[in-house]
N, C-alpha and C. Protein backbone atom coordinates (compact mmCIF):
# COMPACT_ATOMS: atom_id res chain seq x y z
N MET A 1 -122.28 -19.02 -104.03
CA MET A 1 -121.67 -17.78 -103.81
C MET A 1 -120.71 -17.95 -102.77
N ILE A 2 -119.39 -17.51 -103.00
CA ILE A 2 -118.44 -17.73 -102.05
C ILE A 2 -118.42 -16.53 -100.96
N LYS A 3 -118.57 -17.14 -99.58
CA LYS A 3 -118.78 -16.17 -98.62
C LYS A 3 -117.53 -15.76 -97.75
N THR A 4 -116.54 -16.71 -97.66
CA THR A 4 -115.55 -16.49 -96.87
C THR A 4 -114.20 -16.78 -97.62
N ALA A 5 -113.09 -16.04 -97.04
CA ALA A 5 -111.69 -16.31 -97.60
C ALA A 5 -111.35 -17.91 -97.37
N THR A 6 -111.91 -18.46 -96.44
CA THR A 6 -111.62 -20.06 -96.43
C THR A 6 -112.19 -20.73 -97.46
N GLN A 7 -113.49 -20.22 -97.77
CA GLN A 7 -114.11 -21.10 -98.96
C GLN A 7 -113.40 -20.83 -100.26
N LEU A 8 -113.01 -19.53 -100.48
CA LEU A 8 -112.32 -19.12 -101.72
C LEU A 8 -111.00 -20.05 -101.84
N GLY A 9 -110.33 -19.93 -100.63
CA GLY A 9 -109.07 -20.81 -100.58
C GLY A 9 -109.21 -22.29 -100.97
N LEU A 10 -110.35 -22.87 -100.23
CA LEU A 10 -110.54 -24.29 -100.73
C LEU A 10 -110.86 -24.49 -102.10
N LEU A 11 -111.64 -23.49 -102.71
CA LEU A 11 -111.98 -23.70 -104.06
C LEU A 11 -110.89 -23.60 -104.92
N LEU A 12 -109.94 -22.54 -104.57
CA LEU A 12 -108.90 -22.36 -105.48
C LEU A 12 -107.82 -23.59 -105.29
N ALA A 13 -107.66 -24.02 -104.09
CA ALA A 13 -106.73 -25.18 -104.04
C ALA A 13 -107.30 -26.46 -104.88
N PHE A 14 -108.50 -26.71 -104.80
CA PHE A 14 -109.19 -27.69 -105.57
C PHE A 14 -108.88 -27.47 -107.05
N ALA A 15 -109.29 -26.23 -107.50
CA ALA A 15 -109.12 -26.05 -108.99
C ALA A 15 -107.61 -26.08 -109.40
N LEU A 16 -106.59 -25.67 -108.63
CA LEU A 16 -105.37 -25.89 -108.94
C LEU A 16 -104.80 -27.26 -108.97
N SER A 17 -105.37 -28.08 -108.09
CA SER A 17 -104.91 -29.49 -108.16
C SER A 17 -105.51 -30.11 -109.27
N LEU A 18 -106.67 -29.70 -109.95
CA LEU A 18 -107.16 -30.25 -111.10
C LEU A 18 -106.16 -29.95 -112.37
N VAL A 19 -105.85 -28.68 -112.29
CA VAL A 19 -104.95 -28.10 -113.30
C VAL A 19 -103.56 -28.69 -113.42
N ALA A 20 -103.05 -29.02 -112.14
CA ALA A 20 -101.82 -29.66 -111.98
C ALA A 20 -101.85 -31.15 -112.59
N LEU A 21 -102.96 -31.95 -112.35
CA LEU A 21 -103.14 -33.28 -112.76
C LEU A 21 -103.54 -33.34 -114.16
N GLY A 22 -104.29 -32.50 -114.64
CA GLY A 22 -104.79 -32.71 -115.86
C GLY A 22 -103.93 -32.45 -117.17
N GLY A 23 -102.92 -31.62 -116.98
CA GLY A 23 -101.96 -31.54 -118.21
C GLY A 23 -102.78 -30.58 -119.16
N SER A 24 -102.26 -30.49 -120.44
CA SER A 24 -102.83 -29.67 -121.51
C SER A 24 -104.17 -30.20 -121.90
N PRO A 25 -105.18 -29.53 -122.04
CA PRO A 25 -106.54 -29.99 -122.50
C PRO A 25 -106.34 -30.41 -123.94
N ALA A 26 -105.75 -29.70 -124.78
CA ALA A 26 -105.41 -29.95 -126.33
C ALA A 26 -104.86 -31.40 -126.33
N VAL A 27 -103.88 -31.64 -125.55
CA VAL A 27 -103.17 -32.99 -125.59
C VAL A 27 -104.07 -34.22 -125.19
N SER A 28 -104.87 -33.73 -124.08
CA SER A 28 -105.66 -34.76 -123.47
C SER A 28 -106.68 -35.31 -124.34
N ALA A 29 -107.40 -34.28 -124.92
CA ALA A 29 -108.42 -34.64 -125.75
C ALA A 29 -108.16 -35.40 -127.04
N ALA A 30 -107.06 -34.97 -127.59
CA ALA A 30 -106.56 -35.60 -128.71
C ALA A 30 -106.15 -37.11 -128.65
N SER A 31 -105.60 -37.53 -127.51
CA SER A 31 -104.97 -38.63 -127.32
C SER A 31 -105.99 -39.91 -127.26
N GLY A 32 -107.08 -39.73 -126.91
CA GLY A 32 -108.10 -40.68 -126.92
C GLY A 32 -108.06 -41.70 -125.72
N GLY A 33 -107.54 -41.33 -124.50
CA GLY A 33 -107.19 -42.02 -123.42
C GLY A 33 -108.52 -42.19 -122.68
N ASP A 34 -108.36 -42.88 -121.43
CA ASP A 34 -109.43 -43.19 -120.46
C ASP A 34 -109.97 -41.69 -120.04
N LYS A 35 -111.33 -41.89 -119.76
CA LYS A 35 -112.06 -40.65 -119.37
C LYS A 35 -112.63 -40.98 -117.84
N HIS A 36 -112.22 -40.22 -117.00
CA HIS A 36 -112.59 -40.11 -115.53
C HIS A 36 -113.95 -39.44 -115.34
N LEU A 37 -114.85 -40.10 -114.79
CA LEU A 37 -116.15 -39.48 -114.53
C LEU A 37 -116.21 -39.47 -113.04
N ILE A 38 -116.10 -38.08 -112.34
CA ILE A 38 -115.85 -38.03 -110.96
C ILE A 38 -116.79 -37.04 -110.33
N THR A 39 -117.38 -37.52 -109.37
CA THR A 39 -118.56 -36.55 -108.59
C THR A 39 -117.93 -36.46 -107.19
N LEU A 40 -117.68 -35.11 -106.94
CA LEU A 40 -117.36 -34.68 -105.42
C LEU A 40 -118.33 -33.92 -104.81
N LYS A 41 -118.49 -33.99 -103.58
CA LYS A 41 -119.37 -33.20 -102.74
C LYS A 41 -118.79 -32.30 -101.82
N ALA A 42 -119.06 -31.05 -101.77
CA ALA A 42 -118.59 -29.93 -100.82
C ALA A 42 -119.31 -30.26 -99.63
N SER A 43 -118.64 -30.40 -98.50
CA SER A 43 -119.52 -30.54 -97.20
C SER A 43 -118.85 -29.66 -96.17
N THR A 44 -119.75 -29.60 -95.10
CA THR A 44 -119.17 -28.71 -93.85
C THR A 44 -119.02 -29.88 -92.94
N LEU A 45 -117.96 -29.83 -92.18
CA LEU A 45 -117.64 -30.82 -91.16
C LEU A 45 -118.35 -30.17 -89.96
N PRO A 46 -118.67 -31.06 -88.89
CA PRO A 46 -119.24 -30.71 -87.62
C PRO A 46 -118.48 -29.29 -87.04
N SER A 47 -117.13 -29.23 -87.13
CA SER A 47 -116.36 -28.25 -86.63
C SER A 47 -116.63 -27.01 -87.48
N GLY A 48 -117.32 -27.02 -88.59
CA GLY A 48 -117.59 -25.80 -89.38
C GLY A 48 -116.71 -25.86 -90.54
N GLN A 49 -115.52 -26.62 -90.59
CA GLN A 49 -114.45 -26.49 -91.56
C GLN A 49 -114.99 -27.19 -92.84
N MET A 50 -114.73 -26.59 -94.09
CA MET A 50 -115.07 -27.11 -95.30
C MET A 50 -114.10 -28.34 -95.77
N ALA A 51 -114.84 -29.23 -96.38
CA ALA A 51 -114.20 -30.60 -96.82
C ALA A 51 -114.89 -31.05 -98.19
N TYR A 52 -114.12 -31.92 -98.72
CA TYR A 52 -114.68 -32.54 -100.07
C TYR A 52 -114.85 -34.04 -99.71
N GLU A 53 -115.69 -34.71 -100.43
CA GLU A 53 -116.08 -36.03 -100.32
C GLU A 53 -116.22 -36.66 -101.80
N MET A 54 -115.62 -37.85 -101.84
CA MET A 54 -115.68 -38.45 -103.13
C MET A 54 -117.06 -39.24 -103.11
N VAL A 55 -117.82 -38.77 -104.16
CA VAL A 55 -119.10 -39.42 -104.21
C VAL A 55 -119.09 -40.65 -105.16
N SER A 56 -118.35 -40.49 -106.27
CA SER A 56 -118.19 -41.37 -107.33
C SER A 56 -116.98 -41.20 -108.39
N HIS A 57 -116.24 -42.24 -108.63
CA HIS A 57 -115.05 -42.10 -109.60
C HIS A 57 -115.20 -43.33 -110.32
N LYS A 58 -115.54 -43.12 -111.68
CA LYS A 58 -115.54 -44.12 -112.60
C LYS A 58 -114.53 -43.87 -113.70
N ILE A 59 -113.91 -44.96 -114.25
CA ILE A 59 -112.97 -44.69 -115.39
C ILE A 59 -113.60 -45.40 -116.57
N LYS A 60 -113.76 -44.66 -117.75
CA LYS A 60 -114.31 -45.15 -119.03
C LYS A 60 -113.15 -45.34 -119.90
N SER A 61 -112.98 -46.51 -120.60
CA SER A 61 -111.87 -46.64 -121.45
C SER A 61 -112.43 -46.34 -122.98
N PRO A 62 -111.56 -46.20 -123.82
CA PRO A 62 -112.05 -45.82 -125.17
C PRO A 62 -112.89 -46.79 -125.76
N ASP A 63 -112.72 -48.08 -125.35
CA ASP A 63 -113.55 -49.14 -125.94
C ASP A 63 -114.94 -49.34 -125.29
N GLY A 64 -115.28 -48.32 -124.47
CA GLY A 64 -116.65 -48.34 -123.63
C GLY A 64 -116.75 -49.05 -122.39
N GLN A 65 -115.66 -49.75 -122.09
CA GLN A 65 -115.66 -50.49 -120.59
C GLN A 65 -115.60 -49.35 -119.58
N GLU A 66 -116.36 -49.71 -118.38
CA GLU A 66 -116.25 -48.75 -117.32
C GLU A 66 -115.91 -49.51 -116.12
N ARG A 67 -115.11 -49.02 -115.13
CA ARG A 67 -114.78 -49.53 -113.98
C ARG A 67 -114.88 -48.56 -112.90
N ASP A 68 -115.63 -48.86 -111.79
CA ASP A 68 -115.75 -48.10 -110.55
C ASP A 68 -114.65 -48.25 -109.63
N VAL A 69 -113.82 -47.02 -109.56
CA VAL A 69 -112.81 -46.95 -108.43
C VAL A 69 -112.97 -46.24 -107.22
N THR A 70 -114.42 -45.94 -106.92
CA THR A 70 -114.82 -45.01 -105.79
C THR A 70 -114.12 -45.74 -104.34
N GLY A 71 -114.04 -47.02 -104.42
CA GLY A 71 -113.49 -47.58 -103.12
C GLY A 71 -112.04 -47.18 -102.80
N ARG A 72 -111.39 -46.68 -103.63
CA ARG A 72 -109.94 -46.23 -103.47
C ARG A 72 -109.88 -45.12 -102.50
N TYR A 73 -110.95 -44.48 -102.37
CA TYR A 73 -111.06 -43.06 -101.47
C TYR A 73 -111.52 -43.27 -100.13
N ALA A 74 -111.31 -42.51 -99.16
CA ALA A 74 -111.81 -42.51 -97.70
C ALA A 74 -113.31 -42.37 -97.82
N ILE A 75 -113.94 -42.85 -96.80
CA ILE A 75 -115.55 -42.63 -96.87
C ILE A 75 -115.65 -41.38 -96.08
N GLY A 76 -116.53 -40.47 -96.65
CA GLY A 76 -116.81 -39.29 -95.90
C GLY A 76 -115.87 -38.17 -96.37
N PRO A 77 -116.24 -36.98 -95.97
CA PRO A 77 -115.50 -35.73 -96.35
C PRO A 77 -114.04 -35.73 -95.79
N THR A 78 -112.98 -35.18 -96.50
CA THR A 78 -111.86 -35.18 -95.82
C THR A 78 -111.07 -33.88 -96.17
N VAL A 79 -110.26 -33.46 -95.37
CA VAL A 79 -109.37 -32.22 -95.46
C VAL A 79 -107.81 -32.77 -95.53
N PRO A 80 -107.19 -32.45 -96.54
CA PRO A 80 -107.52 -31.96 -97.80
C PRO A 80 -108.50 -32.92 -98.51
N GLY A 81 -109.22 -32.59 -99.58
CA GLY A 81 -110.18 -33.43 -100.37
C GLY A 81 -109.26 -34.46 -101.01
N PRO A 82 -110.00 -35.40 -101.56
CA PRO A 82 -109.39 -36.50 -102.22
C PRO A 82 -108.38 -36.21 -103.37
N THR A 83 -107.37 -36.94 -103.39
CA THR A 83 -106.41 -36.61 -104.55
C THR A 83 -106.82 -37.33 -105.79
N LEU A 84 -106.82 -36.71 -106.82
CA LEU A 84 -107.35 -37.33 -108.01
C LEU A 84 -106.03 -37.60 -108.84
N VAL A 85 -105.80 -39.02 -109.19
CA VAL A 85 -104.62 -39.44 -109.80
C VAL A 85 -104.99 -40.02 -111.26
N MET A 86 -104.28 -39.33 -112.15
CA MET A 86 -104.63 -39.46 -113.51
C MET A 86 -103.26 -39.66 -114.35
N LYS A 87 -103.35 -40.28 -115.57
CA LYS A 87 -102.15 -40.23 -116.43
C LYS A 87 -102.30 -39.22 -117.48
N GLU A 88 -101.15 -38.90 -118.07
CA GLU A 88 -101.25 -37.80 -119.01
C GLU A 88 -101.85 -38.53 -120.21
N GLY A 89 -102.84 -37.71 -120.87
CA GLY A 89 -103.58 -37.97 -122.03
C GLY A 89 -105.08 -38.47 -121.45
N GLU A 90 -105.15 -38.69 -120.32
CA GLU A 90 -106.56 -39.04 -119.95
C GLU A 90 -107.44 -37.67 -119.53
N THR A 91 -108.79 -37.79 -119.68
CA THR A 91 -109.53 -36.58 -119.38
C THR A 91 -110.55 -36.87 -118.28
N ALA A 92 -110.94 -35.63 -117.67
CA ALA A 92 -111.88 -35.81 -116.42
C ALA A 92 -112.83 -35.03 -116.73
N GLU A 93 -114.24 -35.44 -116.38
CA GLU A 93 -115.37 -34.71 -116.13
C GLU A 93 -115.76 -34.73 -114.73
N VAL A 94 -115.57 -33.66 -114.10
CA VAL A 94 -115.83 -33.47 -112.72
C VAL A 94 -117.06 -32.66 -112.35
N THR A 95 -117.94 -33.33 -111.62
CA THR A 95 -119.14 -32.73 -111.15
C THR A 95 -119.06 -32.35 -109.65
N LEU A 96 -119.25 -31.11 -109.39
CA LEU A 96 -119.16 -30.86 -107.77
C LEU A 96 -120.56 -30.55 -107.36
N GLU A 97 -120.95 -31.20 -106.29
CA GLU A 97 -122.26 -31.13 -105.74
C GLU A 97 -122.20 -30.20 -104.46
N HIS A 98 -123.16 -29.32 -104.28
CA HIS A 98 -123.05 -28.50 -103.10
C HIS A 98 -123.69 -29.14 -102.01
N GLY A 99 -122.97 -29.20 -100.96
CA GLY A 99 -123.48 -29.80 -99.63
C GLY A 99 -123.13 -28.91 -98.43
N TRP A 100 -122.46 -27.61 -98.68
CA TRP A 100 -122.26 -26.81 -97.53
C TRP A 100 -123.45 -26.39 -96.78
N ARG A 101 -123.27 -26.30 -95.48
CA ARG A 101 -124.39 -25.87 -94.51
C ARG A 101 -123.71 -24.58 -93.89
N PHE A 102 -124.37 -23.48 -93.83
CA PHE A 102 -123.96 -22.22 -93.34
C PHE A 102 -124.91 -21.99 -92.08
N PRO A 103 -124.49 -22.18 -91.01
CA PRO A 103 -125.40 -22.03 -89.81
C PRO A 103 -125.74 -20.63 -89.60
N ASN A 104 -124.92 -19.53 -89.95
CA ASN A 104 -125.37 -18.20 -89.79
C ASN A 104 -125.96 -17.53 -90.91
N VAL A 105 -126.21 -18.22 -91.96
CA VAL A 105 -126.85 -17.74 -93.14
C VAL A 105 -128.26 -18.31 -93.26
N ARG A 106 -129.19 -17.34 -93.52
CA ARG A 106 -130.73 -17.81 -93.56
C ARG A 106 -131.20 -17.71 -94.99
C-alpha cells in the first residue's frame, strides 16, 4: 500500500519510464523481438529516501539464447532507479520486489 506522496511519485515515475521505453504493446508482441526479463527491488536508503535496485536483467532472444546484462547497472539502490534501455519491438517482463522498510509503521 502506498503511504506517502513520495512513494506515489516514485512509483508513478517508474511506471511512466516503462511506458516511454516500451512503445505500443501490440507492436512489441507481434514483432517477435528480444524479451527482457527484469527484476527490480524497491529499497529504502539509510536516509529514508526510496530507491530502486537492479536485481537481474536478462535478455532472451527469439531463438532461446539468454544473456545476462545485469553487470551494466550500478550495484545497490539508486535514485533515480536504473534506466531500462530497449529497442522498439522488444518486450519486457518486469518483476518488482518489495524491500521498503517503514520505521514508523508497525
